[in-house]
Full PDB file with SEQRES, HELIX, SHEET, SSBOND, CRYST1, ORIGX, SCALE, CONECT and MASTER records, all heavy atoms in Angstrom:
SEQRES   1 A   30  GLU GLN ALA ALA ASP GLY SER ASP ALA TYR ARG ASP LYS          
SEQRES   2 A   30  PRO PRO ALA VAL VAL LEU ASP VAL ASP GLU THR VAL LEU          
SEQRES   3 A   30  ASP ASN SER PRO                                              
HELIX    1 AA1 GLN A    2  ASP A    5  1                                   4    
HELIX    2 AA2 SER A    7  ALA A    9  5                                   3    
CRYST1    1.000    1.000    1.000  90.00  90.00  90.00 P 1           1          
ORIGX1      1.000000  0.000000  0.000000        0.00000                         
ORIGX2      0.000000  1.000000  0.000000        0.00000                         
ORIGX3      0.000000  0.000000  1.000000        0.00000                         
SCALE1      1.000000  0.000000  0.000000        0.00000                         
SCALE2      0.000000  1.000000  0.000000        0.00000                         
SCALE3      0.000000  0.000000  1.000000        0.00000                         
ATOM      1  N   GLU A   1      14.453 -15.909 138.806  1.00  0.00           N  
ATOM      2  CA  GLU A   1      13.564 -17.082 139.093  1.00  0.00           C  
ATOM      3  C   GLU A   1      14.391 -18.243 139.640  1.00  0.00           C  
ATOM      4  O   GLU A   1      14.047 -18.923 140.619  1.00  0.00           O  
ATOM      5  CB  GLU A   1      12.783 -17.504 137.855  1.00  0.00           C  
ATOM      6  CG  GLU A   1      11.751 -16.524 137.360  1.00  0.00           C  
ATOM      7  CD  GLU A   1      12.366 -15.390 136.542  1.00  0.00           C  
ATOM      8  OE1 GLU A   1      13.583 -15.522 136.154  1.00  0.00           O  
ATOM      9  OE2 GLU A   1      11.679 -14.389 136.226  1.00  0.00           O  
ATOM     10  N   GLN A   2      15.523 -18.513 138.975  1.00  0.00           N  
ATOM     11  CA  GLN A   2      16.403 -19.558 139.463  1.00  0.00           C  
ATOM     12  C   GLN A   2      16.943 -19.252 140.874  1.00  0.00           C  
ATOM     13  O   GLN A   2      17.003 -20.122 141.773  1.00  0.00           O  
ATOM     14  CB  GLN A   2      17.552 -19.810 138.522  1.00  0.00           C  
ATOM     15  CG  GLN A   2      17.176 -20.554 137.255  1.00  0.00           C  
ATOM     16  CD  GLN A   2      18.397 -20.956 136.425  1.00  0.00           C  
ATOM     17  OE1 GLN A   2      19.408 -20.308 136.469  1.00  0.00           O  
ATOM     18  NE2 GLN A   2      18.283 -22.104 135.660  1.00  0.00           N  
ATOM     19  N   ALA A   3      17.312 -18.032 141.105  1.00  0.00           N  
ATOM     20  CA  ALA A   3      17.843 -17.574 142.340  1.00  0.00           C  
ATOM     21  C   ALA A   3      16.785 -17.814 143.469  1.00  0.00           C  
ATOM     22  O   ALA A   3      17.143 -18.213 144.573  1.00  0.00           O  
ATOM     23  CB  ALA A   3      18.273 -16.151 142.303  1.00  0.00           C  
ATOM     24  N   ALA A   4      15.549 -17.526 143.136  1.00  0.00           N  
ATOM     25  CA  ALA A   4      14.476 -17.690 144.138  1.00  0.00           C  
ATOM     26  C   ALA A   4      14.289 -19.178 144.533  1.00  0.00           C  
ATOM     27  O   ALA A   4      13.883 -19.482 145.616  1.00  0.00           O  
ATOM     28  CB  ALA A   4      13.183 -17.090 143.614  1.00  0.00           C  
ATOM     29  N   ASP A   5      14.557 -20.092 143.539  1.00  0.00           N  
ATOM     30  CA  ASP A   5      14.385 -21.534 143.806  1.00  0.00           C  
ATOM     31  C   ASP A   5      15.539 -22.184 144.618  1.00  0.00           C  
ATOM     32  O   ASP A   5      15.398 -23.196 145.141  1.00  0.00           O  
ATOM     33  CB  ASP A   5      14.211 -22.282 142.462  1.00  0.00           C  
ATOM     34  CG  ASP A   5      12.911 -21.952 141.822  1.00  0.00           C  
ATOM     35  OD1 ASP A   5      11.932 -21.485 142.502  1.00  0.00           O  
ATOM     36  OD2 ASP A   5      12.840 -22.177 140.542  1.00  0.00           O  
ATOM     37  N   GLY A   6      16.653 -21.399 144.635  1.00  0.00           N  
ATOM     38  CA  GLY A   6      17.811 -21.965 145.372  1.00  0.00           C  
ATOM     39  C   GLY A   6      18.754 -22.718 144.445  1.00  0.00           C  
ATOM     40  O   GLY A   6      18.320 -23.307 143.457  1.00  0.00           O  
ATOM     41  N   SER A   7      20.027 -22.729 144.792  1.00  0.00           N  
ATOM     42  CA  SER A   7      21.030 -23.301 143.942  1.00  0.00           C  
ATOM     43  C   SER A   7      20.883 -24.809 143.709  1.00  0.00           C  
ATOM     44  O   SER A   7      21.349 -25.310 142.651  1.00  0.00           O  
ATOM     45  CB  SER A   7      22.457 -23.011 144.476  1.00  0.00           C  
ATOM     46  OG  SER A   7      22.641 -23.611 145.760  1.00  0.00           O  
ATOM     47  N   ASP A   8      20.290 -25.549 144.603  1.00  0.00           N  
ATOM     48  CA  ASP A   8      20.130 -26.950 144.418  1.00  0.00           C  
ATOM     49  C   ASP A   8      19.250 -27.229 143.160  1.00  0.00           C  
ATOM     50  O   ASP A   8      19.358 -28.317 142.588  1.00  0.00           O  
ATOM     51  CB  ASP A   8      19.399 -27.563 145.636  1.00  0.00           C  
ATOM     52  CG  ASP A   8      20.389 -27.674 146.828  1.00  0.00           C  
ATOM     53  OD1 ASP A   8      21.575 -27.493 146.586  1.00  0.00           O  
ATOM     54  OD2 ASP A   8      19.851 -27.911 147.926  1.00  0.00           O  
ATOM     55  N   ALA A   9      18.460 -26.274 142.730  1.00  0.00           N  
ATOM     56  CA  ALA A   9      17.530 -26.481 141.619  1.00  0.00           C  
ATOM     57  C   ALA A   9      18.242 -26.306 140.276  1.00  0.00           C  
ATOM     58  O   ALA A   9      17.738 -26.715 139.213  1.00  0.00           O  
ATOM     59  CB  ALA A   9      16.332 -25.563 141.713  1.00  0.00           C  
ATOM     60  N   TYR A  10      19.445 -25.602 140.280  1.00  0.00           N  
ATOM     61  CA  TYR A  10      20.032 -25.266 139.007  1.00  0.00           C  
ATOM     62  C   TYR A  10      21.517 -25.583 138.915  1.00  0.00           C  
ATOM     63  O   TYR A  10      22.124 -25.577 137.875  1.00  0.00           O  
ATOM     64  CB  TYR A  10      19.805 -23.818 138.638  1.00  0.00           C  
ATOM     65  CG  TYR A  10      20.404 -22.834 139.643  1.00  0.00           C  
ATOM     66  CD1 TYR A  10      21.750 -22.519 139.562  1.00  0.00           C  
ATOM     67  CD2 TYR A  10      19.611 -22.187 140.542  1.00  0.00           C  
ATOM     68  CE1 TYR A  10      22.318 -21.603 140.499  1.00  0.00           C  
ATOM     69  CE2 TYR A  10      20.133 -21.263 141.478  1.00  0.00           C  
ATOM     70  CZ  TYR A  10      21.460 -20.977 141.420  1.00  0.00           C  
ATOM     71  OH  TYR A  10      22.067 -20.065 142.319  1.00  0.00           O  
ATOM     72  N   ARG A  11      22.200 -25.832 140.028  1.00  0.00           N  
ATOM     73  CA  ARG A  11      23.668 -25.864 140.063  1.00  0.00           C  
ATOM     74  C   ARG A  11      24.267 -26.934 139.144  1.00  0.00           C  
ATOM     75  O   ARG A  11      25.362 -26.809 138.641  1.00  0.00           O  
ATOM     76  CB  ARG A  11      24.190 -26.007 141.459  1.00  0.00           C  
ATOM     77  CG  ARG A  11      23.777 -27.266 142.162  1.00  0.00           C  
ATOM     78  CD  ARG A  11      24.214 -27.272 143.596  1.00  0.00           C  
ATOM     79  NE  ARG A  11      25.584 -26.977 143.776  1.00  0.00           N  
ATOM     80  CZ  ARG A  11      26.161 -26.552 144.955  1.00  0.00           C  
ATOM     81  NH1 ARG A  11      25.385 -26.396 145.997  1.00  0.00           N  
ATOM     82  NH2 ARG A  11      27.440 -26.320 144.981  1.00  0.00           N  
ATOM     83  N   ASP A  12      23.507 -28.015 138.957  1.00  0.00           N  
ATOM     84  CA  ASP A  12      24.037 -29.103 138.117  1.00  0.00           C  
ATOM     85  C   ASP A  12      23.576 -29.072 136.647  1.00  0.00           C  
ATOM     86  O   ASP A  12      23.878 -29.943 135.860  1.00  0.00           O  
ATOM     87  CB  ASP A  12      23.627 -30.482 138.745  1.00  0.00           C  
ATOM     88  CG  ASP A  12      24.238 -30.676 140.061  1.00  0.00           C  
ATOM     89  OD1 ASP A  12      25.387 -30.256 140.290  1.00  0.00           O  
ATOM     90  OD2 ASP A  12      23.595 -31.357 140.964  1.00  0.00           O  
ATOM     91  N   LYS A  13      22.836 -28.043 136.303  1.00  0.00           N  
ATOM     92  CA  LYS A  13      22.357 -27.922 134.935  1.00  0.00           C  
ATOM     93  C   LYS A  13      23.548 -27.425 134.059  1.00  0.00           C  
ATOM     94  O   LYS A  13      24.450 -26.705 134.522  1.00  0.00           O  
ATOM     95  CB  LYS A  13      21.204 -26.931 134.813  1.00  0.00           C  
ATOM     96  CG  LYS A  13      19.956 -27.321 135.516  1.00  0.00           C  
ATOM     97  CD  LYS A  13      18.858 -26.300 135.326  1.00  0.00           C  
ATOM     98  CE  LYS A  13      17.632 -26.671 136.217  1.00  0.00           C  
ATOM     99  NZ  LYS A  13      16.938 -27.792 135.683  1.00  0.00           N  
ATOM    100  N   PRO A  14      23.565 -27.730 132.736  1.00  0.00           N  
ATOM    101  CA  PRO A  14      24.579 -27.253 131.858  1.00  0.00           C  
ATOM    102  C   PRO A  14      24.496 -25.700 131.758  1.00  0.00           C  
ATOM    103  O   PRO A  14      23.402 -25.140 131.819  1.00  0.00           O  
ATOM    104  CB  PRO A  14      24.310 -27.908 130.516  1.00  0.00           C  
ATOM    105  CG  PRO A  14      22.863 -28.275 130.601  1.00  0.00           C  
ATOM    106  CD  PRO A  14      22.608 -28.613 132.051  1.00  0.00           C  
ATOM    107  N   PRO A  15      25.587 -24.983 131.541  1.00  0.00           N  
ATOM    108  CA  PRO A  15      25.596 -23.530 131.515  1.00  0.00           C  
ATOM    109  C   PRO A  15      25.138 -22.984 130.155  1.00  0.00           C  
ATOM    110  O   PRO A  15      25.347 -23.563 129.085  1.00  0.00           O  
ATOM    111  CB  PRO A  15      27.064 -23.175 131.775  1.00  0.00           C  
ATOM    112  CG  PRO A  15      27.814 -24.294 131.210  1.00  0.00           C  
ATOM    113  CD  PRO A  15      27.006 -25.492 131.457  1.00  0.00           C  
ATOM    114  N   ALA A  16      24.499 -21.810 130.240  1.00  0.00           N  
ATOM    115  CA  ALA A  16      24.101 -21.089 129.012  1.00  0.00           C  
ATOM    116  C   ALA A  16      24.148 -19.567 129.255  1.00  0.00           C  
ATOM    117  O   ALA A  16      24.036 -19.103 130.422  1.00  0.00           O  
ATOM    118  CB  ALA A  16      22.633 -21.479 128.633  1.00  0.00           C  
ATOM    119  N   VAL A  17      24.351 -18.880 128.190  1.00  0.00           N  
ATOM    120  CA  VAL A  17      24.170 -17.443 128.178  1.00  0.00           C  
ATOM    121  C   VAL A  17      23.005 -17.125 127.295  1.00  0.00           C  
ATOM    122  O   VAL A  17      22.783 -17.743 126.236  1.00  0.00           O  
ATOM    123  CB  VAL A  17      25.430 -16.642 127.720  1.00  0.00           C  
ATOM    124  CG1 VAL A  17      26.524 -16.840 128.756  1.00  0.00           C  
ATOM    125  CG2 VAL A  17      25.888 -17.145 126.351  1.00  0.00           C  
ATOM    126  N   VAL A  18      22.161 -16.114 127.710  1.00  0.00           N  
ATOM    127  CA  VAL A  18      20.947 -15.777 126.963  1.00  0.00           C  
ATOM    128  C   VAL A  18      21.188 -14.399 126.355  1.00  0.00           C  
ATOM    129  O   VAL A  18      21.332 -13.399 127.098  1.00  0.00           O  
ATOM    130  CB  VAL A  18      19.731 -15.835 127.783  1.00  0.00           C  
ATOM    131  CG1 VAL A  18      18.521 -15.372 127.015  1.00  0.00           C  
ATOM    132  CG2 VAL A  18      19.567 -17.198 128.394  1.00  0.00           C  
ATOM    133  N   LEU A  19      21.151 -14.299 125.074  1.00  0.00           N  
ATOM    134  CA  LEU A  19      21.383 -13.043 124.338  1.00  0.00           C  
ATOM    135  C   LEU A  19      20.157 -12.592 123.548  1.00  0.00           C  
ATOM    136  O   LEU A  19      19.536 -13.414 122.849  1.00  0.00           O  
ATOM    137  CB  LEU A  19      22.545 -13.179 123.330  1.00  0.00           C  
ATOM    138  CG  LEU A  19      23.858 -13.783 123.757  1.00  0.00           C  
ATOM    139  CD1 LEU A  19      24.813 -13.873 122.578  1.00  0.00           C  
ATOM    140  CD2 LEU A  19      24.467 -12.961 124.892  1.00  0.00           C  
ATOM    141  N   ASP A  20      19.732 -11.360 123.779  1.00  0.00           N  
ATOM    142  CA  ASP A  20      18.783 -10.747 122.843  1.00  0.00           C  
ATOM    143  C   ASP A  20      19.414 -10.628 121.499  1.00  0.00           C  
ATOM    144  O   ASP A  20      20.614 -10.774 121.341  1.00  0.00           O  
ATOM    145  CB  ASP A  20      18.386  -9.341 123.363  1.00  0.00           C  
ATOM    146  CG  ASP A  20      17.528  -8.617 122.394  1.00  0.00           C  
ATOM    147  OD1 ASP A  20      16.452  -9.130 122.015  1.00  0.00           O  
ATOM    148  OD2 ASP A  20      17.883  -7.473 122.078  1.00  0.00           O  
ATOM    149  N   VAL A  21      18.635 -10.433 120.422  1.00  0.00           N  
ATOM    150  CA  VAL A  21      19.182 -10.323 119.119  1.00  0.00           C  
ATOM    151  C   VAL A  21      19.299  -8.884 118.619  1.00  0.00           C  
ATOM    152  O   VAL A  21      20.419  -8.367 118.397  1.00  0.00           O  
ATOM    153  CB  VAL A  21      18.366 -11.142 118.082  1.00  0.00           C  
ATOM    154  CG1 VAL A  21      18.831 -10.917 116.657  1.00  0.00           C  
ATOM    155  CG2 VAL A  21      18.464 -12.616 118.452  1.00  0.00           C  
ATOM    156  N   ASP A  22      18.199  -8.194 118.481  1.00  0.00           N  
ATOM    157  CA  ASP A  22      18.254  -6.916 117.826  1.00  0.00           C  
ATOM    158  C   ASP A  22      18.848  -5.824 118.728  1.00  0.00           C  
ATOM    159  O   ASP A  22      18.437  -5.623 119.888  1.00  0.00           O  
ATOM    160  CB  ASP A  22      16.802  -6.502 117.449  1.00  0.00           C  
ATOM    161  CG  ASP A  22      16.237  -7.428 116.359  1.00  0.00           C  
ATOM    162  OD1 ASP A  22      16.962  -7.729 115.429  1.00  0.00           O  
ATOM    163  OD2 ASP A  22      15.077  -7.926 116.591  1.00  0.00           O  
ATOM    164  N   GLU A  23      19.897  -5.201 118.206  1.00  0.00           N  
ATOM    165  CA  GLU A  23      20.680  -4.136 118.844  1.00  0.00           C  
ATOM    166  C   GLU A  23      21.449  -4.701 120.074  1.00  0.00           C  
ATOM    167  O   GLU A  23      22.032  -3.962 120.801  1.00  0.00           O  
ATOM    168  CB  GLU A  23      19.769  -3.005 119.365  1.00  0.00           C  
ATOM    169  CG  GLU A  23      19.282  -2.032 118.274  1.00  0.00           C  
ATOM    170  CD  GLU A  23      18.991  -2.617 116.930  1.00  0.00           C  
ATOM    171  OE1 GLU A  23      17.861  -3.000 116.673  1.00  0.00           O  
ATOM    172  OE2 GLU A  23      19.902  -2.619 116.080  1.00  0.00           O  
ATOM    173  N   THR A  24      21.519  -6.014 120.168  1.00  0.00           N  
ATOM    174  CA  THR A  24      22.384  -6.687 121.169  1.00  0.00           C  
ATOM    175  C   THR A  24      23.430  -7.568 120.406  1.00  0.00           C  
ATOM    176  O   THR A  24      24.586  -7.484 120.713  1.00  0.00           O  
ATOM    177  CB  THR A  24      21.521  -7.553 122.124  1.00  0.00           C  
ATOM    178  OG1 THR A  24      20.634  -6.746 122.868  1.00  0.00           O  
ATOM    179  CG2 THR A  24      22.444  -8.315 123.075  1.00  0.00           C  
ATOM    180  N   VAL A  25      22.961  -8.282 119.460  1.00  0.00           N  
ATOM    181  CA  VAL A  25      23.808  -9.171 118.630  1.00  0.00           C  
ATOM    182  C   VAL A  25      23.854  -8.617 117.162  1.00  0.00           C  
ATOM    183  O   VAL A  25      24.908  -8.599 116.558  1.00  0.00           O  
ATOM    184  CB  VAL A  25      23.305 -10.601 118.673  1.00  0.00           C  
ATOM    185  CG1 VAL A  25      23.962 -11.457 117.594  1.00  0.00           C  
ATOM    186  CG2 VAL A  25      23.533 -11.228 120.084  1.00  0.00           C  
ATOM    187  N   LEU A  26      22.667  -8.253 116.641  1.00  0.00           N  
ATOM    188  CA  LEU A  26      22.622  -7.754 115.279  1.00  0.00           C  
ATOM    189  C   LEU A  26      22.284  -6.281 115.273  1.00  0.00           C  
ATOM    190  O   LEU A  26      21.414  -5.834 116.015  1.00  0.00           O  
ATOM    191  CB  LEU A  26      21.572  -8.536 114.468  1.00  0.00           C  
ATOM    192  CG  LEU A  26      21.843 -10.038 114.271  1.00  0.00           C  
ATOM    193  CD1 LEU A  26      20.705 -10.651 113.451  1.00  0.00           C  
ATOM    194  CD2 LEU A  26      23.182 -10.266 113.560  1.00  0.00           C  
ATOM    195  N   ASP A  27      22.939  -5.534 114.458  1.00  0.00           N  
ATOM    196  CA  ASP A  27      22.840  -4.085 114.293  1.00  0.00           C  
ATOM    197  C   ASP A  27      21.823  -3.795 113.176  1.00  0.00           C  
ATOM    198  O   ASP A  27      22.110  -4.016 112.015  1.00  0.00           O  
ATOM    199  CB  ASP A  27      24.163  -3.455 114.051  1.00  0.00           C  
ATOM    200  CG  ASP A  27      24.080  -1.965 113.642  1.00  0.00           C  
ATOM    201  OD1 ASP A  27      22.994  -1.376 113.861  1.00  0.00           O  
ATOM    202  OD2 ASP A  27      25.066  -1.461 113.148  1.00  0.00           O  
ATOM    203  N   ASN A  28      20.682  -3.228 113.539  1.00  0.00           N  
ATOM    204  CA  ASN A  28      19.620  -2.923 112.531  1.00  0.00           C  
ATOM    205  C   ASN A  28      19.525  -1.432 112.247  1.00  0.00           C  
ATOM    206  O   ASN A  28      18.518  -0.984 111.707  1.00  0.00           O  
ATOM    207  CB  ASN A  28      18.274  -3.395 113.070  1.00  0.00           C  
ATOM    208  CG  ASN A  28      18.255  -4.869 113.319  1.00  0.00           C  
ATOM    209  OD1 ASN A  28      18.258  -5.711 112.394  1.00  0.00           O  
ATOM    210  ND2 ASN A  28      18.196  -5.268 114.615  1.00  0.00           N  
ATOM    211  N   SER A  29      20.582  -0.715 112.550  1.00  0.00           N  
ATOM    212  CA  SER A  29      20.539   0.759 112.259  1.00  0.00           C  
ATOM    213  C   SER A  29      20.306   1.096 110.783  1.00  0.00           C  
ATOM    214  O   SER A  29      19.715   2.152 110.524  1.00  0.00           O  
ATOM    215  CB  SER A  29      21.808   1.398 112.813  1.00  0.00           C  
ATOM    216  OG  SER A  29      22.986   0.928 112.154  1.00  0.00           O  
ATOM    217  N   PRO A  30      20.689   0.247 109.821  1.00  0.00           N  
ATOM    218  CA  PRO A  30      20.378   0.597 108.449  1.00  0.00           C  
ATOM    219  C   PRO A  30      18.838   0.666 108.220  1.00  0.00           C  
ATOM    220  O   PRO A  30      18.329   1.450 107.396  1.00  0.00           O  
ATOM    221  CB  PRO A  30      20.986  -0.533 107.633  1.00  0.00           C  
ATOM    222  CG  PRO A  30      22.167  -0.980 108.449  1.00  0.00           C  
ATOM    223  CD  PRO A  30      21.655  -0.890 109.883  1.00  0.00           C  
TER     224      PRO A  30                                                      
MASTER        0    0    0    2    0    0    0    6  223    1    0    3          
END                                                                             
């Protein structure tokens, strides 16, 4: 979505990484 809007719409925003939780950050195999 950001890519479609063009870099002027997001290039000056603070950076973030977006992580899923289950089976990405936390292991729920038990």
